[in-house]
Protein backbone atom coordinates (compact mmCIF):
# COMPACT_ATOMS: atom_id res chain seq x y z
CA MET A 1 -69.78 201.91 105.33
CA MET A 2 -66.75 202.52 107.49
CA GLN A 3 -66.69 206.08 108.80
CA ALA A 4 -63.39 207.92 108.78
CA GLU A 5 -62.65 210.60 111.34
CA PRO A 6 -63.71 213.82 109.61
CA HIS A 7 -60.84 215.95 110.91
CA ARG A 8 -58.02 213.46 110.43
CA GLY A 9 -55.92 213.81 107.31
CA TRP A 10 -58.56 215.04 104.87
CA ALA A 11 -56.21 216.89 102.49
CA LEU A 12 -54.78 213.78 100.77
CA PRO A 13 -58.15 212.09 100.12
CA PHE A 14 -59.60 215.40 98.95
CA GLY A 15 -56.72 215.97 96.53
CA ALA A 16 -57.07 212.42 95.22
CA MET A 17 -60.78 212.90 94.61
CA CYS A 18 -60.15 216.18 92.76
CA PHE A 19 -57.66 214.30 90.59
CA ILE A 20 -60.28 211.63 89.86
CA GLN A 21 -62.87 214.33 89.15
CA ALA A 22 -60.57 215.52 86.34
CA ILE A 23 -59.54 212.05 85.10
CA GLY A 24 -63.15 210.96 84.47
CA PRO A 25 -64.02 213.86 82.12
CA LEU A 26 -60.59 213.50 80.48
CA MET A 27 -61.55 209.98 79.40
CA MET A 28 -65.04 211.12 78.39
CA ALA A 29 -63.48 213.83 76.16
CA VAL A 30 -61.25 211.46 74.18
CA LEU A 31 -64.04 210.50 71.78
CA PRO A 32 -65.18 214.01 70.73
CA VAL A 33 -61.60 215.33 70.51
CA ALA A 34 -60.38 212.44 68.34
CA ALA A 35 -63.69 212.09 66.47
CA PRO A 36 -62.51 213.12 62.96
CA MET A 37 -59.61 210.65 63.05
CA VAL A 38 -61.63 207.82 64.61
CA THR A 39 -64.50 208.02 62.12
CA ALA A 40 -62.16 208.38 59.15
CA ALA A 41 -60.01 205.42 60.21
CA SER A 42 -63.14 203.37 60.88
CA GLY A 43 -64.60 204.12 57.46
CA MET A 44 -67.64 205.75 59.06
CA PRO A 45 -69.27 209.10 58.19
CA PRO A 46 -68.46 211.98 60.58
CA GLN A 47 -72.04 211.98 61.91
CA ALA A 48 -71.51 208.48 63.30
CA ILE A 49 -69.73 210.05 66.25
CA GLY A 50 -73.19 210.92 67.57
CA ALA A 51 -74.04 207.24 68.04
CA ALA A 52 -70.75 206.63 69.86
CA ALA A 53 -71.29 209.66 72.12
CA SER A 54 -74.78 208.34 72.88
CA ALA A 55 -73.23 204.99 73.85
CA GLN A 56 -71.13 206.91 76.39
CA GLY A 57 -74.21 208.57 77.82
CA ILE A 58 -76.11 205.29 78.01
CA GLY A 59 -73.14 203.69 79.77
CA SER A 60 -73.20 206.44 82.39
CA LEU A 61 -76.96 206.05 82.80
CA VAL A 62 -76.65 202.30 83.38
CA ALA A 63 -73.83 202.86 85.88
CA LEU A 64 -75.88 205.50 87.69
CA ALA A 65 -78.72 203.01 88.14
CA LEU A 66 -76.33 200.41 89.57
CA VAL A 67 -74.00 202.67 91.51
CA LYS A 68 -75.44 202.27 95.02
CA PRO A 69 -75.20 198.45 95.22
CA VAL A 70 -71.80 198.58 93.51
CA ILE A 71 -70.40 201.02 96.08
CA ASP A 72 -72.01 199.08 98.94
CA TRP A 73 -70.42 195.88 97.65
CA MET A 74 -66.95 197.14 96.69
CA GLY A 75 -66.47 200.22 98.83
CA PRO A 76 -66.01 203.69 97.31
CA VAL A 77 -62.29 203.47 96.51
CA ARG A 78 -62.53 200.07 94.83
CA ALA A 79 -65.58 201.28 92.87
CA ILE A 80 -63.57 204.24 91.58
CA GLN A 81 -60.64 201.98 90.73
CA ALA A 82 -62.89 199.55 88.86
CA GLY A 83 -64.55 202.40 86.98
CA THR A 84 -61.21 203.95 86.07
CA VAL A 85 -59.85 200.66 84.72
CA LEU A 86 -63.06 200.04 82.76
CA SER A 87 -62.90 203.52 81.25
CA ALA A 88 -59.20 203.04 80.41
CA LEU A 89 -60.11 199.84 78.58
CA GLY A 90 -62.80 201.76 76.72
CA VAL A 91 -60.32 204.45 75.70
CA ALA A 92 -57.94 201.76 74.41
CA LEU A 93 -60.76 200.24 72.34
CA ILE A 94 -61.36 203.64 70.71
CA ALA A 95 -57.82 203.47 69.33
CA THR A 96 -58.56 200.24 67.44
CA ALA A 97 -60.72 202.21 64.95
CA GLN A 98 -62.89 199.10 64.52
CA TRP A 99 -66.37 200.57 64.75
CA PRO A 100 -68.04 197.80 66.84
CA LEU A 101 -65.12 198.05 69.28
CA VAL A 102 -65.34 201.86 69.23
CA MET A 103 -69.02 201.63 70.23
CA LEU A 104 -68.20 199.12 72.97
CA GLY A 105 -65.32 201.30 74.15
CA ALA A 106 -67.60 204.34 74.31
CA PHE A 107 -70.05 202.39 76.48
CA PHE A 108 -67.20 201.26 78.76
CA ILE A 109 -65.95 204.85 79.14
CA GLY A 110 -69.40 206.07 80.20
CA ALA A 111 -70.04 203.10 82.48
CA GLY A 112 -66.64 203.48 84.13
CA TYR A 113 -67.24 207.17 84.77
CA GLY A 114 -70.60 206.51 86.48
CA PRO A 115 -69.31 205.45 89.94
CA MET A 116 -66.69 208.19 90.18
CA PRO A 117 -68.73 211.26 91.28
CA PRO A 118 -70.92 209.54 93.93
CA ALA A 119 -68.05 207.46 95.31
CA SER A 120 -65.73 210.46 95.52
CA ASN A 121 -68.50 212.50 97.17
CA SER A 122 -68.86 209.73 99.77
CA ILE A 123 -65.14 209.85 100.57
CA ILE A 124 -65.11 213.64 100.91
CA PHE A 125 -68.21 213.58 103.11
CA GLN A 126 -66.49 211.11 105.45
CA THR A 127 -63.31 213.13 105.85
CA VAL A 128 -63.78 216.86 105.29
CA PRO A 129 -64.84 219.00 108.30
CA GLY A 130 -68.39 220.26 108.01
CA GLY A 131 -67.45 223.94 108.18
CA ILE A 132 -65.58 223.85 104.86
CA ARG A 133 -67.31 220.91 103.19
CA SER A 134 -69.58 222.97 100.91
CA MET A 135 -66.66 225.03 99.60
CA LEU A 136 -64.51 221.96 98.96
CA PHE A 137 -67.35 220.17 97.19
CA SER A 138 -67.59 223.19 94.88
CA ILE A 139 -63.84 223.13 94.27
CA LYS A 140 -64.00 219.45 93.41
CA GLN A 141 -66.82 220.03 90.92
CA ALA A 142 -64.86 222.87 89.33
CA THR A 143 -62.06 220.44 88.43
CA SER A 144 -64.32 218.56 85.98
CA PRO A 145 -63.67 220.87 83.00
CA ILE A 146 -59.92 220.52 83.60
CA GLY A 147 -60.05 217.00 82.20
CA MET A 148 -61.85 218.16 79.06
CA VAL A 149 -59.45 221.06 78.60
CA THR A 150 -56.51 218.68 79.05
CA ALA A 151 -57.90 216.39 76.37
CA GLY A 152 -58.37 219.30 73.98
CA LEU A 153 -54.79 220.50 74.45
CA THR A 154 -52.66 217.40 75.00
CA ILE A 155 -54.15 214.82 72.63
CA PRO A 156 -53.56 216.96 69.50
CA PHE A 157 -50.06 217.83 70.80
CA LEU A 158 -49.13 214.17 71.22
CA MET A 159 -50.58 213.41 67.80
CA ALA A 160 -48.42 216.12 66.25
CA VAL A 161 -45.25 215.04 68.06
CA THR A 162 -45.59 211.33 67.28
CA LEU A 163 -47.35 211.73 63.90
CA ASP A 164 -49.80 209.05 65.04
CA TRP A 165 -53.34 209.97 66.09
CA ARG A 166 -53.54 206.90 68.31
CA SER A 167 -50.66 208.02 70.53
CA GLY A 168 -52.68 210.62 72.40
CA ILE A 169 -55.43 208.10 73.05
CA TRP A 170 -52.97 205.49 74.34
CA ALA A 171 -51.45 208.10 76.66
CA VAL A 172 -54.86 208.87 78.20
CA ALA A 173 -55.57 205.15 78.65
CA ALA A 174 -52.22 204.65 80.40
CA LEU A 175 -52.72 207.67 82.67
CA SER A 176 -56.19 206.49 83.61
CA ALA A 177 -55.04 202.98 84.47
CA PHE A 178 -52.17 204.43 86.53
CA ALA A 179 -54.68 206.58 88.45
CA ALA A 180 -56.32 203.39 89.73
CA VAL A 181 -52.94 202.26 91.12
CA LEU A 182 -52.37 205.60 92.85
CA LEU A 183 -55.64 205.20 94.77
CA GLN A 184 -54.65 201.86 96.32
CA PRO A 185 -53.31 203.33 99.62
CA LEU A 186 -56.74 204.84 100.31
CA ARG A 187 -58.47 201.46 100.26
CA LEU A 188 -57.40 200.50 103.79
CA ARG A 189 -58.95 203.66 105.13
CA PHE A 190 -62.24 203.81 103.26
CA ASP A 191 -63.23 200.37 102.02
CA LYS A 192 -64.65 197.48 103.97
CA ASP A 193 -62.87 194.18 104.22
CA GLU A 194 -66.01 192.19 103.55
CA ILE A 195 -69.09 192.50 101.35
CA ALA A 196 -71.45 195.01 102.90
CA ALA A 197 -74.72 193.23 102.39
CA ARG A 198 -75.83 189.61 102.24
CA PRO A 199 -76.49 188.29 98.74
CA ASP A 200 -80.24 188.17 99.32
CA LYS A 201 -80.26 191.88 100.14
CA GLN A 202 -78.03 192.89 97.27
CA GLY A 203 -80.66 191.82 94.75
CA ALA A 204 -83.30 193.92 96.46
CA GLY A 205 -80.95 196.90 96.52
CA LEU A 206 -80.24 196.44 92.83
CA TRP A 207 -83.90 196.43 91.87
CA GLN A 208 -84.55 199.42 94.11
CA SER A 209 -81.75 201.32 92.33
CA LEU A 210 -83.09 200.36 88.90
CA LEU A 211 -86.56 201.65 89.80
CA LEU A 212 -85.26 204.77 91.53
CA PRO A 213 -85.29 207.05 88.43
CA PHE A 214 -89.04 206.52 88.11
CA ARG A 215 -89.90 207.49 91.67
CA LEU A 216 -91.00 210.96 92.76
CA LEU A 217 -91.26 212.06 89.12
CA ALA A 218 -95.04 212.07 89.33
CA ARG A 219 -94.87 215.42 91.10
CA GLY A 220 -95.35 218.23 88.61
CA GLU A 221 -92.59 220.51 89.87
CA VAL A 222 -89.99 217.73 90.02
CA ALA A 223 -91.01 216.45 86.59
CA LEU A 224 -90.69 219.90 85.02
CA LEU A 225 -87.29 220.53 86.60
CA SER A 226 -86.13 217.12 85.36
CA LEU A 227 -87.29 217.93 81.83
CA ILE A 228 -85.57 221.32 81.99
CA GLY A 229 -82.34 219.60 83.05
CA PHE A 230 -82.80 217.06 80.26
CA CYS A 231 -82.93 219.95 77.77
CA PHE A 232 -79.61 221.27 79.09
CA THR A 233 -77.87 217.90 78.86
CA ALA A 234 -79.25 217.06 75.42
CA VAL A 235 -77.87 220.32 74.00
CA LEU A 236 -74.58 220.16 75.90
CA GLY A 237 -74.07 216.53 74.95
CA ALA A 238 -74.68 217.22 71.26
CA VAL A 239 -72.52 220.35 71.03
CA SER A 240 -69.67 218.82 73.01
CA ALA A 241 -69.74 215.59 70.99
CA PHE A 242 -69.79 217.34 67.61
CA ALA A 243 -67.69 220.45 68.28
CA VAL A 244 -64.43 219.13 66.79
CA THR A 245 -66.18 217.22 63.99
CA TYR A 246 -68.20 220.32 63.06
CA LEU A 247 -65.21 222.64 63.03
CA VAL A 248 -63.17 220.24 60.89
CA GLY A 249 -65.97 219.33 58.50
CA ALA A 250 -67.82 222.63 58.12
CA HIS A 251 -64.97 225.12 58.50
CA GLY A 252 -61.93 223.18 57.29
CA MET A 253 -59.99 223.51 60.52
CA SER A 254 -57.18 221.16 61.39
CA PRO A 255 -58.05 218.67 64.14
CA ALA A 256 -55.53 220.39 66.43
CA ALA A 257 -57.06 223.85 65.94
CA ALA A 258 -60.57 222.45 66.40
CA ALA A 259 -59.51 220.67 69.59
CA GLY A 260 -58.12 223.97 70.83
CA LEU A 261 -61.55 225.58 70.46
CA TYR A 262 -63.05 222.56 72.22
CA ALA A 263 -60.68 223.27 75.12
CA ILE A 264 -61.57 226.98 75.09
CA MET A 265 -65.26 226.11 75.28
CA HIS A 266 -64.72 224.08 78.44
CA ILE A 267 -62.36 226.67 79.95
CA THR A 268 -65.24 229.15 79.67
CA SER A 269 -67.55 226.73 81.43
CA MET A 270 -65.49 226.93 84.63
CA PRO A 271 -66.22 230.59 85.55
CA SER A 272 -69.73 230.15 84.15
CA ARG A 273 -70.59 227.70 86.93
CA VAL A 274 -69.43 230.17 89.57
CA PHE A 275 -71.19 233.09 87.87
CA ALA A 276 -74.48 231.21 87.60
CA GLY A 277 -74.47 230.49 91.34
CA TRP A 278 -73.58 234.10 92.17
CA PHE A 279 -76.17 235.50 89.76
CA SER A 280 -78.84 233.21 91.17
CA ASP A 281 -78.15 234.55 94.67
CA GLN A 282 -78.13 238.15 93.47
CA ILE A 283 -81.53 237.99 91.79
CA ASN A 284 -82.84 235.49 94.35
CA SER A 285 -84.16 233.26 91.60
CA GLY A 286 -82.52 230.05 90.49
CA ARG A 287 -85.25 229.53 87.92
CA GLY A 288 -84.72 233.02 86.52
CA THR A 289 -81.04 232.13 86.15
CA LEU A 290 -81.90 228.91 84.32
CA LEU A 291 -84.19 230.90 82.02
CA PHE A 292 -81.34 233.30 81.25
CA LEU A 293 -79.00 230.41 80.46
CA HIS A 294 -81.52 228.64 78.22
CA LEU A 295 -82.21 231.80 76.22
CA GLY A 296 -78.47 232.35 75.81
CA SER A 297 -78.06 228.75 74.70
CA MET A 298 -80.78 229.21 72.11
CA GLY A 299 -79.00 232.29 70.78
CA VAL A 300 -75.74 230.34 70.43
CA LEU A 301 -77.45 227.52 68.54
CA VAL A 302 -79.17 229.95 66.16
CA THR A 303 -75.79 231.62 65.57
CA LEU A 304 -74.17 228.27 64.76
CA ALA A 305 -77.05 227.40 62.42
CA MET A 306 -76.44 230.65 60.50
CA MET A 307 -72.63 230.54 60.65
CA PRO A 308 -71.06 230.86 57.17
CA GLY A 309 -68.45 228.33 56.14
CA ASP A 310 -65.79 231.04 55.81
CA ALA A 311 -66.27 232.37 59.35
CA GLY A 312 -62.98 233.43 60.90
CA TYR A 313 -61.26 231.76 63.83
CA LEU A 314 -62.04 234.67 66.16
CA THR A 315 -65.76 234.52 65.35
CA LEU A 316 -65.86 230.79 65.98
CA ALA A 317 -63.80 231.16 69.18
CA VAL A 318 -66.23 233.74 70.60
CA THR A 319 -69.22 231.60 69.64
CA PHE A 320 -67.82 228.52 71.33
CA CYS A 321 -66.88 230.57 74.41
CA LEU A 322 -70.53 231.62 74.61
CA ALA A 323 -71.56 227.99 74.12
CA GLY A 324 -69.44 226.97 77.11
CA PHE A 325 -70.82 229.84 79.17
CA PHE A 326 -74.53 229.35 78.51
CA GLN A 327 -74.67 225.59 78.03
CA ALA A 328 -72.51 224.37 80.94
CA GLY A 329 -73.13 226.75 83.84
CA TRP A 330 -76.42 225.30 85.01
CA ASN A 331 -75.34 222.31 87.16
CA GLY A 332 -75.21 223.81 90.63
CA VAL A 333 -78.28 225.99 90.13
CA ILE A 334 -80.61 223.23 88.99
CA ILE A 335 -79.33 220.83 91.68
CA ASN A 336 -80.24 223.44 94.30
CA GLU A 337 -83.64 224.07 92.72
CA ILE A 338 -84.44 220.36 92.76
CA ALA A 339 -83.24 219.96 96.35
CA THR A 340 -85.35 222.88 97.60
CA SER A 341 -88.50 221.65 95.83
CA VAL A 342 -88.87 218.59 98.10
CA ALA A 343 -88.71 217.73 101.78
CA PRO A 344 -85.18 217.31 103.23
CA ARG A 345 -85.65 213.55 103.68
CA GLU A 346 -86.41 213.22 99.96
CA VAL A 347 -83.38 215.11 98.62
CA SER A 348 -81.23 212.02 98.09
CA ASP A 349 -83.89 210.07 96.21
CA VAL A 350 -85.08 212.95 94.07
CA SER A 351 -81.51 213.93 93.19
CA ALA A 352 -80.82 210.42 91.93
CA SER A 353 -84.11 210.34 90.03
CA THR A 354 -83.57 213.62 88.24
CA ALA A 355 -79.89 212.86 87.63
CA ALA A 356 -80.92 209.70 85.76
CA ILE A 357 -83.28 211.71 83.56
CA MET A 358 -80.59 214.31 82.87
CA PHE A 359 -77.98 211.65 82.03
CA PHE A 360 -80.49 210.31 79.51
CA GLY A 361 -80.11 213.65 77.71
CA TYR A 362 -76.41 212.97 77.21
CA GLY A 363 -77.39 209.73 75.47
CA VAL A 364 -80.20 211.11 73.32
CA GLY A 365 -78.76 214.49 72.29
CA PRO A 366 -75.74 213.36 70.23
CA LEU A 367 -77.70 210.55 68.59
CA VAL A 368 -80.49 212.86 67.39
CA PHE A 369 -78.04 215.59 66.34
CA GLY A 370 -76.04 213.06 64.31
CA ALA A 371 -79.18 211.74 62.62
CA LEU A 372 -80.33 215.28 61.73
CA SER A 373 -76.95 216.28 60.32
CA ALA A 374 -76.68 213.06 58.31
CA ALA A 375 -80.19 213.48 56.89
CA SER A 376 -79.59 217.12 55.91
CA GLY A 377 -76.02 216.63 54.68
CA GLY A 378 -74.68 219.36 56.96
CA TYR A 379 -74.88 220.86 60.44
CA ALA A 380 -76.97 224.03 60.01
CA PHE A 381 -80.30 222.19 60.08
CA ALA A 382 -79.31 220.18 63.17
CA PHE A 383 -78.28 223.33 65.05
CA ALA A 384 -81.54 225.05 64.02
CA VAL A 385 -83.67 222.16 65.26
CA PHE A 386 -81.74 221.98 68.51
CA ALA A 387 -82.34 225.70 69.08
CA ALA A 388 -85.95 224.70 69.78
CA VAL A 389 -84.83 222.62 72.80
CA PRO A 390 -83.79 225.53 75.07
CA PHE A 391 -86.78 227.51 73.75
CA ILE A 392 -89.13 224.75 74.97
CA ALA A 393 -87.25 224.66 78.28
CA ALA A 394 -87.66 228.44 78.62
CA ILE A 395 -91.42 228.08 78.15
CA LEU A 396 -91.51 225.34 80.80
CA LEU A 397 -89.60 227.58 83.19
CA VAL A 398 -92.03 230.46 82.68
CA ILE A 399 -94.95 228.10 83.32
CA LEU A 400 -93.24 226.71 86.41
CA MET A 401 -92.51 230.15 87.86
CA ARG A 402 -96.12 231.25 87.31
CA VAL A 403 -97.49 228.10 88.95
CA VAL A 404 -95.21 228.59 91.97
CA ARG A 405 -96.20 232.27 92.28
CA ALA A 406 -99.89 231.35 92.10
CA ARG A 407 -99.39 228.68 94.77
CA GLN A 408 -97.58 231.13 97.04
CA ALA A 409 -100.31 233.73 96.56
CA ALA A 410 -102.99 231.17 97.45
CA THR A 411 -101.05 230.14 100.55
CA MET A 412 -100.73 233.78 101.68
CA ALA A 413 -104.44 234.35 101.05
CA ARG A 414 -105.37 231.35 103.20
CA ALA A 415 -103.01 232.54 105.94
CA SER A 416 -104.56 236.01 105.88
CA ALA A 417 -108.06 234.57 106.06
CA VAL A 418 -107.13 232.61 109.19
């Protein structure tokens, strides 16, 4: 891939990638924010939104498996443009309220989002000076919740102004498509003029990418960390997908008020990510931090399972703030734990492997939650069952920390004997 000079004009590409980092989650948030209107207009039960949210997660998982050959073939900017246009098409299909098209649109949104983070990371790595690269990567990641907050605030506003629930969705689709146009000037700087690999090598790269999630997972420590991350994404995916639907159906909120709490939940997730990294450094234990977050997540889910139907807005707001704090602050900590558990040359492969497993959680979580709530005729049972997920993850973390301590003690004993 063409290498840009790392000190020449990095501010514009960096700003563009931060914008894309917000646009992707904005499109991903359309479905949960508009869920009550979409399911009602489609003639589907509210719990059906779980299947659509799972289609988004599966789309992202498929895109993640294919992302390396796609970026090699198109170049990072064109890959982002293609993903943005595909997601915009998916958003537009959501507005049709025809359930097969809604499911297809959800898949397109997830698949379109898949190339955005790795391609944008590639562009930043090429341009940003090494001395500030880590900080700017963190800033870019912190822009992700902005898209979700924007969806929670602007879509209901546009619906109220135009008296048409589809208007907010069309606006997001138009903005997303326009974002692809705005990126065009960057193509000359970052994309190749010809296909990167010969056709015979592209096939091999594709199969290698498809098999990548199954490599390195045979190692116990990597497998446990992957499963712990899967538990986080399954819970976060389910709660995020059903937040608005739950608040409207179980507490009688208006869609606009429920979307506001959805936005508040993701606003809380922004400082949570910073706090989790700081706390991990303070106690010198990333796994202890993950244990703390899982136990907090379990407490939130138990609270939601026991929440009375007449709970006040303030009670629900505090609960969803805690949900955002405990269920979305784990990203940076677990990425670091995974990276430090393997040799430096294996970081890239193991990160892709575990990311695929964690993305699978986004696909499974909403689907299972929807099935549980449909079978029980409410949401309390589904929240109670899901409270077992972070509890299981907490047990795995305790086991993992004990195994690591025993290994370290054995290593020290051997060193002392020598």
